[in-house]
N, C-alpha and C. Protein backbone atom coordinates (compact mmCIF):
# COMPACT_ATOMS: atom_id res chain seq x y z
N MET A 1 -36.51 10.51 42.93
CA MET A 1 -36.25 11.08 41.62
C MET A 1 -34.85 11.70 41.62
N VAL A 2 -34.20 11.66 40.50
CA VAL A 2 -32.85 12.19 40.37
C VAL A 2 -32.94 13.70 40.15
N SER A 3 -32.09 14.43 40.89
CA SER A 3 -32.10 15.89 40.74
C SER A 3 -31.55 16.28 39.38
N ASP A 4 -31.85 17.50 38.98
CA ASP A 4 -31.34 18.01 37.70
C ASP A 4 -29.82 18.02 37.69
N GLU A 5 -29.22 18.40 38.82
CA GLU A 5 -27.76 18.43 38.90
C GLU A 5 -27.18 17.03 38.72
N MET A 6 -27.78 16.05 39.39
CA MET A 6 -27.31 14.68 39.30
C MET A 6 -27.50 14.18 37.87
N GLY A 7 -28.61 14.49 37.26
CA GLY A 7 -28.86 14.08 35.88
C GLY A 7 -27.84 14.69 34.93
N ALA A 8 -27.55 15.98 35.11
CA ALA A 8 -26.57 16.65 34.28
C ALA A 8 -25.19 16.03 34.48
N TRP A 9 -24.86 15.71 35.73
CA TRP A 9 -23.56 15.11 36.02
C TRP A 9 -23.45 13.72 35.37
N LEU A 10 -24.50 12.93 35.50
CA LEU A 10 -24.50 11.60 34.90
C LEU A 10 -24.40 11.68 33.38
N HIS A 11 -25.14 12.61 32.80
CA HIS A 11 -25.09 12.80 31.34
C HIS A 11 -23.69 13.21 30.91
N ASP A 12 -23.10 14.16 31.62
CA ASP A 12 -21.75 14.63 31.28
C ASP A 12 -20.74 13.49 31.38
N ARG A 13 -20.86 12.72 32.42
CA ARG A 13 -19.93 11.59 32.63
C ARG A 13 -20.07 10.56 31.51
N ALA A 14 -21.29 10.20 31.19
CA ALA A 14 -21.53 9.22 30.14
C ALA A 14 -21.05 9.72 28.79
N THR A 15 -21.31 11.00 28.50
CA THR A 15 -20.89 11.55 27.20
C THR A 15 -19.38 11.66 27.12
N ARG A 16 -18.75 12.06 28.21
CA ARG A 16 -17.29 12.19 28.22
C ARG A 16 -16.64 10.82 28.00
N GLU A 17 -17.14 9.81 28.69
CA GLU A 17 -16.59 8.46 28.53
C GLU A 17 -16.80 7.96 27.10
N LEU A 18 -18.01 8.20 26.53
CA LEU A 18 -18.26 7.80 25.13
C LEU A 18 -17.30 8.51 24.21
N GLN A 19 -17.06 9.81 24.46
CA GLN A 19 -16.18 10.59 23.59
C GLN A 19 -14.75 10.06 23.69
N GLU A 20 -14.32 9.69 24.88
CA GLU A 20 -12.97 9.13 25.05
C GLU A 20 -12.84 7.82 24.27
N GLN A 21 -13.89 7.00 24.30
CA GLN A 21 -13.86 5.75 23.55
C GLN A 21 -13.82 6.03 22.05
N ILE A 22 -14.61 6.99 21.61
CA ILE A 22 -14.63 7.35 20.19
C ILE A 22 -13.26 7.86 19.75
N ASP A 23 -12.66 8.72 20.56
CA ASP A 23 -11.33 9.25 20.24
C ASP A 23 -10.29 8.13 20.15
N ALA A 24 -10.38 7.16 21.06
CA ALA A 24 -9.44 6.04 21.05
C ALA A 24 -9.63 5.20 19.79
N VAL A 25 -10.87 4.95 19.42
CA VAL A 25 -11.15 4.15 18.22
C VAL A 25 -10.68 4.90 16.97
N LEU A 26 -10.94 6.20 16.91
CA LEU A 26 -10.49 6.99 15.76
C LEU A 26 -8.96 6.99 15.64
N ALA A 27 -8.27 7.10 16.76
CA ALA A 27 -6.81 7.05 16.75
C ALA A 27 -6.33 5.70 16.23
N ARG A 28 -7.00 4.65 16.62
CA ARG A 28 -6.63 3.30 16.14
C ARG A 28 -6.89 3.18 14.63
N ILE A 29 -8.01 3.73 14.18
CA ILE A 29 -8.32 3.70 12.75
C ILE A 29 -7.26 4.44 11.95
N VAL A 30 -6.85 5.60 12.44
CA VAL A 30 -5.80 6.36 11.75
C VAL A 30 -4.51 5.55 11.69
N SER A 31 -4.14 4.95 12.80
CA SER A 31 -2.92 4.14 12.86
C SER A 31 -2.97 2.97 11.88
N VAL A 32 -4.08 2.25 11.87
CA VAL A 32 -4.22 1.10 10.98
C VAL A 32 -4.24 1.57 9.53
N SER A 33 -4.90 2.68 9.25
CA SER A 33 -4.94 3.21 7.89
C SER A 33 -3.54 3.56 7.40
N GLU A 34 -2.74 4.15 8.26
CA GLU A 34 -1.35 4.48 7.89
C GLU A 34 -0.55 3.21 7.61
N GLN A 35 -0.77 2.17 8.42
CA GLN A 35 -0.08 0.90 8.18
C GLN A 35 -0.50 0.29 6.85
N ILE A 36 -1.78 0.37 6.54
CA ILE A 36 -2.29 -0.16 5.27
C ILE A 36 -1.68 0.60 4.10
N GLN A 37 -1.61 1.93 4.22
CA GLN A 37 -1.01 2.72 3.14
C GLN A 37 0.45 2.35 2.94
N LYS A 38 1.17 2.16 4.03
CA LYS A 38 2.58 1.78 3.93
C LYS A 38 2.72 0.42 3.26
N LEU A 39 1.89 -0.54 3.66
CA LEU A 39 1.94 -1.87 3.06
C LEU A 39 1.55 -1.83 1.58
N ALA A 40 0.59 -1.01 1.25
CA ALA A 40 0.18 -0.90 -0.15
C ALA A 40 1.33 -0.35 -0.99
N TYR A 41 2.04 0.63 -0.46
CA TYR A 41 3.19 1.19 -1.18
C TYR A 41 4.28 0.12 -1.34
N GLU A 42 4.57 -0.59 -0.26
CA GLU A 42 5.58 -1.65 -0.32
C GLU A 42 5.16 -2.75 -1.31
N ASN A 43 3.88 -3.08 -1.32
CA ASN A 43 3.36 -4.09 -2.23
C ASN A 43 3.54 -3.65 -3.69
N LYS A 44 3.24 -2.39 -3.95
CA LYS A 44 3.40 -1.86 -5.31
C LYS A 44 4.87 -1.93 -5.73
N SER A 45 5.74 -1.58 -4.83
CA SER A 45 7.17 -1.63 -5.11
C SER A 45 7.63 -3.06 -5.38
N LEU A 46 7.16 -4.00 -4.58
CA LEU A 46 7.53 -5.40 -4.78
C LEU A 46 6.99 -5.94 -6.10
N LYS A 47 5.77 -5.54 -6.46
CA LYS A 47 5.21 -5.98 -7.74
C LYS A 47 6.07 -5.46 -8.90
N SER A 48 6.55 -4.24 -8.78
CA SER A 48 7.44 -3.68 -9.80
C SER A 48 8.72 -4.49 -9.90
N ASP A 49 9.29 -4.80 -8.76
CA ASP A 49 10.52 -5.61 -8.74
C ASP A 49 10.28 -6.97 -9.39
N ILE A 50 9.18 -7.61 -9.05
CA ILE A 50 8.87 -8.92 -9.62
C ILE A 50 8.71 -8.83 -11.13
N ALA A 51 8.02 -7.82 -11.59
CA ALA A 51 7.85 -7.65 -13.05
C ALA A 51 9.20 -7.46 -13.73
N ARG A 52 10.06 -6.67 -13.11
CA ARG A 52 11.40 -6.44 -13.67
C ARG A 52 12.20 -7.75 -13.70
N PHE A 53 12.12 -8.54 -12.65
CA PHE A 53 12.83 -9.82 -12.61
C PHE A 53 12.31 -10.79 -13.67
N HIS A 54 10.99 -10.79 -13.87
CA HIS A 54 10.41 -11.64 -14.90
C HIS A 54 10.95 -11.26 -16.28
N LYS A 55 11.03 -9.96 -16.54
CA LYS A 55 11.56 -9.50 -17.83
C LYS A 55 13.02 -9.93 -17.99
N GLN A 56 13.79 -9.78 -16.92
CA GLN A 56 15.20 -10.18 -16.99
C GLN A 56 15.32 -11.68 -17.25
N LEU A 57 14.51 -12.47 -16.57
CA LEU A 57 14.56 -13.92 -16.77
C LEU A 57 14.14 -14.31 -18.18
N SER A 58 13.12 -13.66 -18.69
CA SER A 58 12.68 -14.01 -20.04
C SER A 58 13.73 -13.63 -21.07
N LYS A 59 14.43 -12.51 -20.86
CA LYS A 59 15.50 -12.12 -21.78
C LYS A 59 16.64 -13.14 -21.73
N LYS A 60 17.00 -13.57 -20.53
CA LYS A 60 18.06 -14.56 -20.38
C LYS A 60 17.65 -15.87 -21.02
N SER A 61 16.40 -16.23 -20.85
CA SER A 61 15.90 -17.48 -21.40
C SER A 61 15.94 -17.43 -22.94
N LEU A 62 15.58 -16.28 -23.51
CA LEU A 62 15.59 -16.13 -24.97
C LEU A 62 17.00 -16.16 -25.52
N THR A 63 17.94 -15.53 -24.82
CA THR A 63 19.32 -15.51 -25.32
C THR A 63 19.97 -16.89 -25.20
N ARG A 64 19.60 -17.66 -24.22
CA ARG A 64 20.16 -19.02 -24.06
C ARG A 64 19.61 -19.98 -25.11
N SER A 65 18.37 -19.79 -25.48
CA SER A 65 17.76 -20.71 -26.44
C SER A 65 18.12 -20.33 -27.88
N ALA A 66 18.66 -19.13 -28.08
CA ALA A 66 19.00 -18.69 -29.44
C ALA A 66 20.34 -19.19 -29.90
């Protein structure tokens, strides 16, 4: 039978290792979330640029056909 000390040591070791894995996964989630936020901001900016370019092209097209 495993002694209480050995059981406590095994439990502590297993919990510590699980916690280290959880911390690593959470850090990765934070990093990926920050990347997604950055890309979303860049995407919004690019969509604005595209809309502006479309307006410019349509104005040029209207003035050429007039």
